[in-house]
Amino acid sequence: MIIAIMIHEDPFYYNVIDEVGTNLEELQQEFGSWMSTIEGNHPFRIYTEFVERDGEISFADYVNVYGPDDFIGWLNVDKYNDKVAVRVKNTGDIVPEATIHF
């Protein structure tokens, strides 16, 4: 089953097992819940500070940074412990059976 993961207006296409494709939105929510449990230094997080014009730091903390390939990696490694999804080349004529937005 071919799915699309949209970042703004840019689609990224993946060939996934049917179980993933038919449960895509639920899996996206589960991924979000999993991401919220990560603390501190992690490949999906980056330390960020916002410094105001007067030099005061208005925000200093880790923020989550991820994309479609990270979601697919989570599916393959953490969720299923198997290769259940692979990226496919955008040939311009792909019609996905399911789509989610990040």
PDB file of N, CA and C in Angstrom:
ATOM      1  N   MET A   1       0.842  -1.168   0.000  1.00  0.00           N
ATOM      2  CA  MET A   1       0.000   0.000   0.000  1.00  0.00           C
ATOM      3  C   MET A   1       0.894   1.240   0.000  1.00  0.00           C
ATOM      4  N   ILE A   2       0.590   2.185  -0.856  1.00  0.00           N
ATOM      5  CA  ILE A   2       1.365   3.423  -0.927  1.00  0.00           C
ATOM      6  C   ILE A   2       0.666   4.499  -0.094  1.00  0.00           C
ATOM      7  N   ILE A   3       1.438   5.148   0.780  1.00  0.00           N
ATOM      8  CA  ILE A   3       0.923   6.256   1.585  1.00  0.00           C
ATOM      9  C   ILE A   3       1.748   7.499   1.300  1.00  0.00           C
ATOM     10  N   ALA A   4       1.199   8.645   1.677  1.00  0.00           N
ATOM     11  CA  ALA A   4       1.920   9.909   1.580  1.00  0.00           C
ATOM     12  C   ALA A   4       1.972  10.545   2.960  1.00  0.00           C
ATOM     13  N   ILE A   5       3.113  11.115   3.260  1.00  0.00           N
ATOM     14  CA  ILE A   5       3.256  11.944   4.454  1.00  0.00           C
ATOM     15  C   ILE A   5       3.608  13.336   3.945  1.00  0.00           C
ATOM     16  N   MET A   6       2.748  14.282   4.289  1.00  0.00           N
ATOM     17  CA  MET A   6       2.905  15.643   3.788  1.00  0.00           C
ATOM     18  C   MET A   6       3.620  16.516   4.816  1.00  0.00           C
ATOM     19  N   ILE A   7       4.617  17.248   4.335  1.00  0.00           N
ATOM     20  CA  ILE A   7       5.245  18.317   5.098  1.00  0.00           C
ATOM     21  C   ILE A   7       4.935  19.586   4.318  1.00  0.00           C
ATOM     22  N   HIS A   8       4.069  20.401   4.874  1.00  0.00           N
ATOM     23  CA  HIS A   8       3.525  21.560   4.157  1.00  0.00           C
ATOM     24  C   HIS A   8       2.877  21.042   2.879  1.00  0.00           C
ATOM     25  N   GLU A   9       3.361  21.401   1.731  1.00  0.00           N
ATOM     26  CA  GLU A   9       2.787  20.933   0.465  1.00  0.00           C
ATOM     27  C   GLU A   9       3.639  19.852  -0.203  1.00  0.00           C
ATOM     28  N   ASP A  10       4.686  19.396   0.472  1.00  0.00           N
ATOM     29  CA  ASP A  10       5.613  18.427  -0.111  1.00  0.00           C
ATOM     30  C   ASP A  10       5.271  17.005   0.328  1.00  0.00           C
ATOM     31  N   PRO A  11       4.929  16.127  -0.624  1.00  0.00           N
ATOM     32  CA  PRO A  11       4.627  14.745  -0.255  1.00  0.00           C
ATOM     33  C   PRO A  11       5.883  13.874  -0.222  1.00  0.00           C
ATOM     34  N   PHE A  12       5.905  12.958   0.730  1.00  0.00           N
ATOM     35  CA  PHE A  12       6.920  11.920   0.809  1.00  0.00           C
ATOM     36  C   PHE A  12       6.155  10.601   0.765  1.00  0.00           C
ATOM     37  N   TYR A  13       6.537   9.712  -0.147  1.00  0.00           N
ATOM     38  CA  TYR A  13       5.782   8.493  -0.381  1.00  0.00           C
ATOM     39  C   TYR A  13       6.498   7.279   0.199  1.00  0.00           C
ATOM     40  N   TYR A  14       5.683   6.350   0.713  1.00  0.00           N
ATOM     41  CA  TYR A  14       6.212   5.133   1.328  1.00  0.00           C
ATOM     42  C   TYR A  14       5.335   3.947   0.937  1.00  0.00           C
ATOM     43  N   ASN A  15       5.985   2.818   0.751  1.00  0.00           N
ATOM     44  CA  ASN A  15       5.288   1.555   0.558  1.00  0.00           C
ATOM     45  C   ASN A  15       5.217   0.899   1.930  1.00  0.00           C
ATOM     46  N   VAL A  16       4.011   0.666   2.433  1.00  0.00           N
ATOM     47  CA  VAL A  16       3.828   0.151   3.789  1.00  0.00           C
ATOM     48  C   VAL A  16       2.964  -1.104   3.753  1.00  0.00           C
ATOM     49  N   ILE A  17       3.069  -1.906   4.797  1.00  0.00           N
ATOM     50  CA  ILE A  17       2.173  -3.049   4.915  1.00  0.00           C
ATOM     51  C   ILE A  17       0.755  -2.522   5.158  1.00  0.00           C
ATOM     52  N   ASP A  18      -0.236  -3.321   4.806  1.00  0.00           N
ATOM     53  CA  ASP A  18      -1.632  -2.888   4.926  1.00  0.00           C
ATOM     54  C   ASP A  18      -1.999  -2.450   6.338  1.00  0.00           C
ATOM     55  N   GLU A  19      -1.493  -3.149   7.342  1.00  0.00           N
ATOM     56  CA  GLU A  19      -1.801  -2.799   8.738  1.00  0.00           C
ATOM     57  C   GLU A  19      -1.387  -1.361   9.049  1.00  0.00           C
ATOM     58  N   VAL A  20      -0.241  -0.952   8.533  1.00  0.00           N
ATOM     59  CA  VAL A  20       0.221   0.428   8.746  1.00  0.00           C
ATOM     60  C   VAL A  20      -0.669   1.399   7.978  1.00  0.00           C
ATOM     61  N   GLY A  21      -0.934   1.099   6.736  1.00  0.00           N
ATOM     62  CA  GLY A  21      -1.726   2.005   5.906  1.00  0.00           C
ATOM     63  C   GLY A  21      -3.132   2.225   6.413  1.00  0.00           C
ATOM     64  N   THR A  22      -3.758   1.174   6.921  1.00  0.00           N
ATOM     65  CA  THR A  22      -5.137   1.303   7.388  1.00  0.00           C
ATOM     66  C   THR A  22      -5.232   1.913   8.782  1.00  0.00           C
ATOM     67  N   ASN A  23      -4.121   1.970   9.503  1.00  0.00           N
ATOM     68  CA  ASN A  23      -4.093   2.547  10.854  1.00  0.00           C
ATOM     69  C   ASN A  23      -3.178   3.759  10.931  1.00  0.00           C
ATOM     70  N   LEU A  24      -2.977   4.427   9.829  1.00  0.00           N
ATOM     71  CA  LEU A  24      -1.967   5.480   9.738  1.00  0.00           C
ATOM     72  C   LEU A  24      -2.192   6.617  10.730  1.00  0.00           C
ATOM     73  N   GLU A  25      -3.420   7.110  10.856  1.00  0.00           N
ATOM     74  CA  GLU A  25      -3.678   8.227  11.773  1.00  0.00           C
ATOM     75  C   GLU A  25      -3.473   7.813  13.221  1.00  0.00           C
ATOM     76  N   GLU A  26      -3.897   6.611  13.577  1.00  0.00           N
ATOM     77  CA  GLU A  26      -3.693   6.122  14.937  1.00  0.00           C
ATOM     78  C   GLU A  26      -2.202   5.967  15.239  1.00  0.00           C
ATOM     79  N   LEU A  27      -1.459   5.465  14.265  1.00  0.00           N
ATOM     80  CA  LEU A  27      -0.010   5.315  14.449  1.00  0.00           C
ATOM     81  C   LEU A  27       0.664   6.679  14.580  1.00  0.00           C
ATOM     82  N   GLN A  28       0.205   7.665  13.837  1.00  0.00           N
ATOM     83  CA  GLN A  28       0.750   9.016  13.967  1.00  0.00           C
ATOM     84  C   GLN A  28       0.509   9.547  15.383  1.00  0.00           C
ATOM     85  N   GLN A  29      -0.673   9.311  15.927  1.00  0.00           N
ATOM     86  CA  GLN A  29      -0.969   9.745  17.294  1.00  0.00           C
ATOM     87  C   GLN A  29      -0.099   9.000  18.307  1.00  0.00           C
ATOM     88  N   GLU A  30       0.099   7.709  18.083  1.00  0.00           N
ATOM     89  CA  GLU A  30       0.954   6.928  18.979  1.00  0.00           C
ATOM     90  C   GLU A  30       2.400   7.429  18.919  1.00  0.00           C
ATOM     91  N   PHE A  31       2.860   7.781  17.717  1.00  0.00           N
ATOM     92  CA  PHE A  31       4.194   8.346  17.561  1.00  0.00           C
ATOM     93  C   PHE A  31       4.304   9.653  18.335  1.00  0.00           C
ATOM     94  N   GLY A  32       3.280  10.495  18.243  1.00  0.00           N
ATOM     95  CA  GLY A  32       3.273  11.756  18.991  1.00  0.00           C
ATOM     96  C   GLY A  32       3.320  11.525  20.490  1.00  0.00           C
ATOM     97  N   SER A  33       2.587  10.537  20.968  1.00  0.00           N
ATOM     98  CA  SER A  33       2.620  10.200  22.397  1.00  0.00           C
ATOM     99  C   SER A  33       4.000   9.705  22.804  1.00  0.00           C
ATOM    100  N   TRP A  34       4.577   8.865  21.961  1.00  0.00           N
ATOM    101  CA  TRP A  34       5.927   8.365  22.228  1.00  0.00           C
ATOM    102  C   TRP A  34       6.924   9.515  22.267  1.00  0.00           C
ATOM    103  N   MET A  35       6.795  10.445  21.318  1.00  0.00           N
ATOM    104  CA  MET A  35       7.706  11.596  21.279  1.00  0.00           C
ATOM    105  C   MET A  35       7.606  12.426  22.564  1.00  0.00           C
ATOM    106  N   SER A  36       6.415  12.514  23.131  1.00  0.00           N
ATOM    107  CA  SER A  36       6.231  13.327  24.336  1.00  0.00           C
ATOM    108  C   SER A  36       6.888  12.706  25.564  1.00  0.00           C
ATOM    109  N   THR A  37       7.274  11.436  25.484  1.00  0.00           N
ATOM    110  CA  THR A  37       7.937  10.793  26.623  1.00  0.00           C
ATOM    111  C   THR A  37       9.452  10.973  26.598  1.00  0.00           C
ATOM    112  N   ILE A  38       9.983  11.434  25.473  1.00  0.00           N
ATOM    113  CA  ILE A  38      11.435  11.597  25.343  1.00  0.00           C
ATOM    114  C   ILE A  38      11.877  12.829  26.117  1.00  0.00           C
ATOM    115  N   GLU A  39      12.931  12.667  26.876  1.00  0.00           N
ATOM    116  CA  GLU A  39      13.457  13.792  27.647  1.00  0.00           C
ATOM    117  C   GLU A  39      14.931  13.982  27.332  1.00  0.00           C
ATOM    118  N   GLY A  40      15.381  15.230  27.463  1.00  0.00           N
ATOM    119  CA  GLY A  40      16.799  15.536  27.325  1.00  0.00           C
ATOM    120  C   GLY A  40      17.335  15.307  25.922  1.00  0.00           C
ATOM    121  N   ASN A  41      18.612  14.987  25.867  1.00  0.00           N
ATOM    122  CA  ASN A  41      19.323  14.828  24.608  1.00  0.00           C
ATOM    123  C   ASN A  41      18.889  13.546  23.898  1.00  0.00           C
ATOM    124  N   HIS A  42      18.435  13.693  22.667  1.00  0.00           N
ATOM    125  CA  HIS A  42      17.948  12.562  21.874  1.00  0.00           C
ATOM    126  C   HIS A  42      18.025  12.969  20.408  1.00  0.00           C
ATOM    127  N   PRO A  43      18.215  12.021  19.481  1.00  0.00           N
ATOM    128  CA  PRO A  43      18.290  12.399  18.060  1.00  0.00           C
ATOM    129  C   PRO A  43      17.057  13.152  17.545  1.00  0.00           C
ATOM    130  N   PHE A  44      15.905  12.979  18.192  1.00  0.00           N
ATOM    131  CA  PHE A  44      14.693  13.674  17.758  1.00  0.00           C
ATOM    132  C   PHE A  44      14.458  14.977  18.520  1.00  0.00           C
ATOM    133  N   ARG A  45      15.449  15.432  19.266  1.00  0.00           N
ATOM    134  CA  ARG A  45      15.299  16.666  20.053  1.00  0.00           C
ATOM    135  C   ARG A  45      16.529  17.556  19.870  1.00  0.00           C
ATOM    136  N   ILE A  46      16.293  18.849  19.974  1.00  0.00           N
ATOM    137  CA  ILE A  46      17.393  19.802  19.874  1.00  0.00           C
ATOM    138  C   ILE A  46      17.192  20.877  20.942  1.00  0.00           C
ATOM    139  N   TYR A  47      18.299  21.254  21.582  1.00  0.00           N
ATOM    140  CA  TYR A  47      18.229  22.303  22.599  1.00  0.00           C
ATOM    141  C   TYR A  47      18.096  23.646  21.898  1.00  0.00           C
ATOM    142  N   THR A  48      17.147  24.447  22.360  1.00  0.00           N
ATOM    143  CA  THR A  48      16.851  25.717  21.715  1.00  0.00           C
ATOM    144  C   THR A  48      16.713  26.817  22.759  1.00  0.00           C
ATOM    145  N   GLU A  49      17.272  27.980  22.436  1.00  0.00           N
ATOM    146  CA  GLU A  49      17.091  29.164  23.276  1.00  0.00           C
ATOM    147  C   GLU A  49      16.588  30.308  22.417  1.00  0.00           C
ATOM    148  N   PHE A  50      15.621  31.068  22.952  1.00  0.00           N
ATOM    149  CA  PHE A  50      15.176  32.313  22.332  1.00  0.00           C
ATOM    150  C   PHE A  50      15.725  33.446  23.168  1.00  0.00           C
ATOM    151  N   VAL A  51      16.520  34.286  22.540  1.00  0.00           N
ATOM    152  CA  VAL A  51      17.130  35.409  23.232  1.00  0.00           C
ATOM    153  C   VAL A  51      16.486  36.691  22.712  1.00  0.00           C
ATOM    154  N   GLU A  52      15.940  37.470  23.636  1.00  0.00           N
ATOM    155  CA  GLU A  52      15.291  38.732  23.283  1.00  0.00           C
ATOM    156  C   GLU A  52      16.344  39.796  22.980  1.00  0.00           C
ATOM    157  N   ARG A  53      15.889  40.910  22.415  1.00  0.00           N
ATOM    158  CA  ARG A  53      16.811  42.004  22.061  1.00  0.00           C
ATOM    159  C   ARG A  53      17.605  42.518  23.256  1.00  0.00           C
ATOM    160  N   ASP A  54      16.992  42.468  24.439  1.00  0.00           N
ATOM    161  CA  ASP A  54      17.682  42.962  25.636  1.00  0.00           C
ATOM    162  C   ASP A  54      18.616  41.919  26.248  1.00  0.00           C
ATOM    163  N   GLY A  55      18.743  40.755  25.582  1.00  0.00           N
ATOM    164  CA  GLY A  55      19.634  39.705  26.056  1.00  0.00           C
ATOM    165  C   GLY A  55      18.971  38.702  26.983  1.00  0.00           C
ATOM    166  N   GLU A  56      17.739  38.956  27.361  1.00  0.00           N
ATOM    167  CA  GLU A  56      17.033  38.034  28.243  1.00  0.00           C
ATOM    168  C   GLU A  56      16.624  36.782  27.461  1.00  0.00           C
ATOM    169  N   ILE A  57      16.812  35.636  28.096  1.00  0.00           N
ATOM    170  CA  ILE A  57      16.425  34.372  27.484  1.00  0.00           C
ATOM    171  C   ILE A  57      14.963  34.120  27.834  1.00  0.00           C
ATOM    172  N   SER A  58      14.103  34.104  26.826  1.00  0.00           N
ATOM    173  CA  SER A  58      12.668  33.927  27.062  1.00  0.00           C
ATOM    174  C   SER A  58      12.250  32.454  26.949  1.00  0.00           C
ATOM    175  N   PHE A  59      13.090  31.638  26.355  1.00  0.00           N
ATOM    176  CA  PHE A  59      12.810  30.210  26.247  1.00  0.00           C
ATOM    177  C   PHE A  59      14.127  29.468  26.192  1.00  0.00           C
ATOM    178  N   ALA A  60      14.233  28.411  26.966  1.00  0.00           N
ATOM    179  CA  ALA A  60      15.421  27.564  26.950  1.00  0.00           C
ATOM    180  C   ALA A  60      14.995  26.149  27.312  1.00  0.00           C
ATOM    181  N   ASP A  61      14.954  25.287  26.302  1.00  0.00           N
ATOM    182  CA  ASP A  61      14.527  23.913  26.537  1.00  0.00           C
ATOM    183  C   ASP A  61      14.766  23.100  25.264  1.00  0.00           C
ATOM    184  N   TYR A  62      14.547  21.812  25.375  1.00  0.00           N
ATOM    185  CA  TYR A  62      14.614  20.930  24.212  1.00  0.00           C
ATOM    186  C   TYR A  62      13.279  20.980  23.471  1.00  0.00           C
ATOM    187  N   VAL A  63      13.340  20.926  22.159  1.00  0.00           N
ATOM    188  CA  VAL A  63      12.138  20.838  21.330  1.00  0.00           C
ATOM    189  C   VAL A  63      12.276  19.632  20.416  1.00  0.00           C
ATOM    190  N   ASN A  64      11.132  19.049  20.078  1.00  0.00           N
ATOM    191  CA  ASN A  64      11.134  17.893  19.185  1.00  0.00           C
ATOM    192  C   ASN A  64      11.362  18.333  17.745  1.00  0.00           C
ATOM    193  N   VAL A  65      12.211  17.606  17.053  1.00  0.00           N
ATOM    194  CA  VAL A  65      12.513  17.870  15.647  1.00  0.00           C
ATOM    195  C   VAL A  65      12.497  16.520  14.931  1.00  0.00           C
ATOM    196  N   TYR A  66      11.561  16.382  13.992  1.00  0.00           N
ATOM    197  CA  TYR A  66      11.444  15.111  13.289  1.00  0.00           C
ATOM    198  C   TYR A  66      10.755  15.334  11.959  1.00  0.00           C
ATOM    199  N   GLY A  67      10.839  14.324  11.115  1.00  0.00           N
ATOM    200  CA  GLY A  67      10.209  14.376   9.807  1.00  0.00           C
ATOM    201  C   GLY A  67       9.633  13.025   9.438  1.00  0.00           C
ATOM    202  N   PRO A  68       9.174  12.897   8.203  1.00  0.00           N
ATOM    203  CA  PRO A  68       8.549  11.648   7.765  1.00  0.00           C
ATOM    204  C   PRO A  68       9.452  10.424   7.914  1.00  0.00           C
ATOM    205  N   ASP A  69      10.725  10.564   7.572  1.00  0.00           N
ATOM    206  CA  ASP A  69      11.628   9.410   7.677  1.00  0.00           C
ATOM    207  C   ASP A  69      11.813   8.972   9.125  1.00  0.00           C
ATOM    208  N   ASP A  70      11.723   9.921  10.064  1.00  0.00           N
ATOM    209  CA  ASP A  70      11.833   9.568  11.481  1.00  0.00           C
ATOM    210  C   ASP A  70      10.607   8.774  11.932  1.00  0.00           C
ATOM    211  N   PHE A  71       9.439   9.176  11.463  1.00  0.00           N
ATOM    212  CA  PHE A  71       8.215   8.432  11.759  1.00  0.00           C
ATOM    213  C   PHE A  71       8.314   7.008  11.206  1.00  0.00           C
ATOM    214  N   ILE A  72       8.772   6.887   9.980  1.00  0.00           N
ATOM    215  CA  ILE A  72       8.921   5.566   9.351  1.00  0.00           C
ATOM    216  C   ILE A  72       9.967   4.741  10.104  1.00  0.00           C
ATOM    217  N   GLY A  73      11.053   5.370  10.519  1.00  0.00           N
ATOM    218  CA  GLY A  73      12.057   4.670  11.316  1.00  0.00           C
ATOM    219  C   GLY A  73      11.478   4.158  12.624  1.00  0.00           C
ATOM    220  N   TRP A  74      10.654   4.975  13.271  1.00  0.00           N
ATOM    221  CA  TRP A  74       9.988   4.552  14.503  1.00  0.00           C
ATOM    222  C   TRP A  74       9.089   3.347  14.241  1.00  0.00           C
ATOM    223  N   LEU A  75       8.335   3.390  13.136  1.00  0.00           N
ATOM    224  CA  LEU A  75       7.483   2.241  12.792  1.00  0.00           C
ATOM    225  C   LEU A  75       8.313   0.970  12.627  1.00  0.00           C
ATOM    226  N   ASN A  76       9.392   1.065  11.850  1.00  0.00           N
ATOM    227  CA  ASN A  76      10.213  -0.104  11.544  1.00  0.00           C
ATOM    228  C   ASN A  76      10.949  -0.648  12.767  1.00  0.00           C
ATOM    229  N   VAL A  77      11.497   0.245  13.578  1.00  0.00           N
ATOM    230  CA  VAL A  77      12.376  -0.180  14.672  1.00  0.00           C
ATOM    231  C   VAL A  77      11.627  -0.340  15.989  1.00  0.00           C
ATOM    232  N   ASP A  78      10.953   0.701  16.413  1.00  0.00           N
ATOM    233  CA  ASP A  78      10.359   0.691  17.748  1.00  0.00           C
ATOM    234  C   ASP A  78       8.985   0.022  17.801  1.00  0.00           C
ATOM    235  N   LYS A  79       8.150   0.294  16.840  1.00  0.00           N
ATOM    236  CA  LYS A  79       6.775  -0.214  16.880  1.00  0.00           C
ATOM    237  C   LYS A  79       6.678  -1.671  16.425  1.00  0.00           C
ATOM    238  N   TYR A  80       7.237  -1.985  15.252  1.00  0.00           N
ATOM    239  CA  TYR A  80       7.063  -3.318  14.679  1.00  0.00           C
ATOM    240  C   TYR A  80       8.302  -4.203  14.741  1.00  0.00           C
ATOM    241  N   ASN A  81       9.461  -3.604  14.979  1.00  0.00           N
ATOM    242  CA  ASN A  81      10.706  -4.366  14.989  1.00  0.00           C
ATOM    243  C   ASN A  81      10.843  -5.200  13.717  1.00  0.00           C
ATOM    244  N   ASP A  82      10.467  -4.586  12.600  1.00  0.00           N
ATOM    245  CA  ASP A  82      10.503  -5.251  11.300  1.00  0.00           C
ATOM    246  C   ASP A  82      10.427  -4.169  10.228  1.00  0.00           C
ATOM    247  N   LYS A  83      10.809  -4.504   9.030  1.00  0.00           N
ATOM    248  CA  LYS A  83      10.754  -3.540   7.928  1.00  0.00           C
ATOM    249  C   LYS A  83       9.336  -3.538   7.359  1.00  0.00           C
ATOM    250  N   VAL A  84       8.513  -2.613   7.867  1.00  0.00           N
ATOM    251  CA  VAL A  84       7.108  -2.539   7.469  1.00  0.00           C
ATOM    252  C   VAL A  84       6.833  -1.366   6.528  1.00  0.00           C
ATOM    253  N   ALA A  85       7.841  -0.521   6.319  1.00  0.00           N
ATOM    254  CA  ALA A  85       7.659   0.662   5.475  1.00  0.00           C
ATOM    255  C   ALA A  85       8.984   1.056   4.845  1.00  0.00           C
ATOM    256  N   VAL A  86       8.935   1.389   3.569  1.00  0.00           N
ATOM    257  CA  VAL A  86      10.125   1.870   2.862  1.00  0.00           C
ATOM    258  C   VAL A  86       9.728   3.064   1.989  1.00  0.00           C
ATOM    259  N   ARG A  87      10.649   3.983   1.882  1.00  0.00           N
ATOM    260  CA  ARG A  87      10.403   5.168   1.058  1.00  0.00           C
ATOM    261  C   ARG A  87      10.477   4.796  -0.418  1.00  0.00           C
ATOM    262  N   VAL A  88       9.607   5.404  -1.218  1.00  0.00           N
ATOM    263  CA  VAL A  88       9.624   5.188  -2.652  1.00  0.00           C
ATOM    264  C   VAL A  88       9.839   6.527  -3.348  1.00  0.00           C
ATOM    265  N   LYS A  89      10.436   6.462  -4.508  1.00  0.00           N
ATOM    266  CA  LYS A  89      10.746   7.666  -5.281  1.00  0.00           C
ATOM    267  C   LYS A  89       9.456   8.296  -5.797  1.00  0.00           C
ATOM    268  N   ASN A  90       9.388   9.619  -5.696  1.00  0.00           N
ATOM    269  CA  ASN A  90       8.243  10.358  -6.215  1.00  0.00           C
ATOM    270  C   ASN A  90       8.384  10.467  -7.730  1.00  0.00           C
ATOM    271  N   THR A  91       7.561   9.706  -8.431  1.00  0.00           N
ATOM    272  CA  THR A  91       7.614   9.712  -9.892  1.00  0.00           C
ATOM    273  C   THR A  91       6.657  10.731 -10.496  1.00  0.00           C
ATOM    274  N   GLY A  92       5.904  11.413  -9.635  1.00  0.00           N
ATOM    275  CA  GLY A  92       4.975  12.421 -10.122  1.00  0.00           C
ATOM    276  C   GLY A  92       3.600  11.890 -10.443  1.00  0.00           C
ATOM    277  N   ASP A  93       3.446  10.592 -10.520  1.00  0.00           N
ATOM    278  CA  ASP A  93       2.138  10.027 -10.853  1.00  0.00           C
ATOM    279  C   ASP A  93       1.605   9.081  -9.774  1.00  0.00           C
ATOM    280  N   ILE A  94       2.159   9.172  -8.567  1.00  0.00           N
ATOM    281  CA  ILE A  94       1.738   8.294  -7.470  1.00  0.00           C
ATOM    282  C   ILE A  94       0.434   8.814  -6.873  1.00  0.00           C
ATOM    283  N   VAL A  95      -0.488   7.896  -6.659  1.00  0.00           N
ATOM    284  CA  VAL A  95      -1.752   8.214  -5.994  1.00  0.00           C
ATOM    285  C   VAL A  95      -1.785   7.410  -4.698  1.00  0.00           C
ATOM    286  N   PRO A  96      -1.554   8.074  -3.564  1.00  0.00           N
ATOM    287  CA  PRO A  96      -1.510   7.339  -2.291  1.00  0.00           C
ATOM    288  C   PRO A  96      -2.894   6.883  -1.853  1.00  0.00           C
ATOM    289  N   GLU A  97      -2.919   5.774  -1.141  1.00  0.00           N
ATOM    290  CA  GLU A  97      -4.177   5.257  -0.608  1.00  0.00           C
ATOM    291  C   GLU A  97      -4.535   5.895   0.726  1.00  0.00           C
ATOM    292  N   ALA A  98      -3.544   6.490   1.392  1.00  0.00           N
ATOM    293  CA  ALA A  98      -3.774   7.181   2.664  1.00  0.00           C
ATOM    294  C   ALA A  98      -2.740   8.309   2.773  1.00  0.00           C
ATOM    295  N   THR A  99      -3.116   9.372   3.471  1.00  0.00           N
ATOM    296  CA  THR A  99      -2.228  10.523   3.631  1.00  0.00           C
ATOM    297  C   THR A  99      -2.351  11.066   5.043  1.00  0.00           C
ATOM    298  N   ILE A 100      -1.215  11.439   5.626  1.00  0.00           N
ATOM    299  CA  ILE A 100      -1.203  12.174   6.892  1.00  0.00           C
ATOM    300  C   ILE A 100      -0.349  13.415   6.700  1.00  0.00           C
ATOM    301  N   HIS A 101      -0.496  14.372   7.611  1.00  0.00           N
ATOM    302  CA  HIS A 101       0.250  15.619   7.558  1.00  0.00           C
ATOM    303  C   HIS A 101       1.070  15.784   8.820  1.00  0.00           C
ATOM    304  N   PHE A 102       2.314  16.189   8.660  1.00  0.00           N
ATOM    305  CA  PHE A 102       3.176  16.519   9.801  1.00  0.00           C
ATOM    306  C   PHE A 102       3.404  17.998   9.791  1.00  0.00           C
TER     307      PHE A 102
END
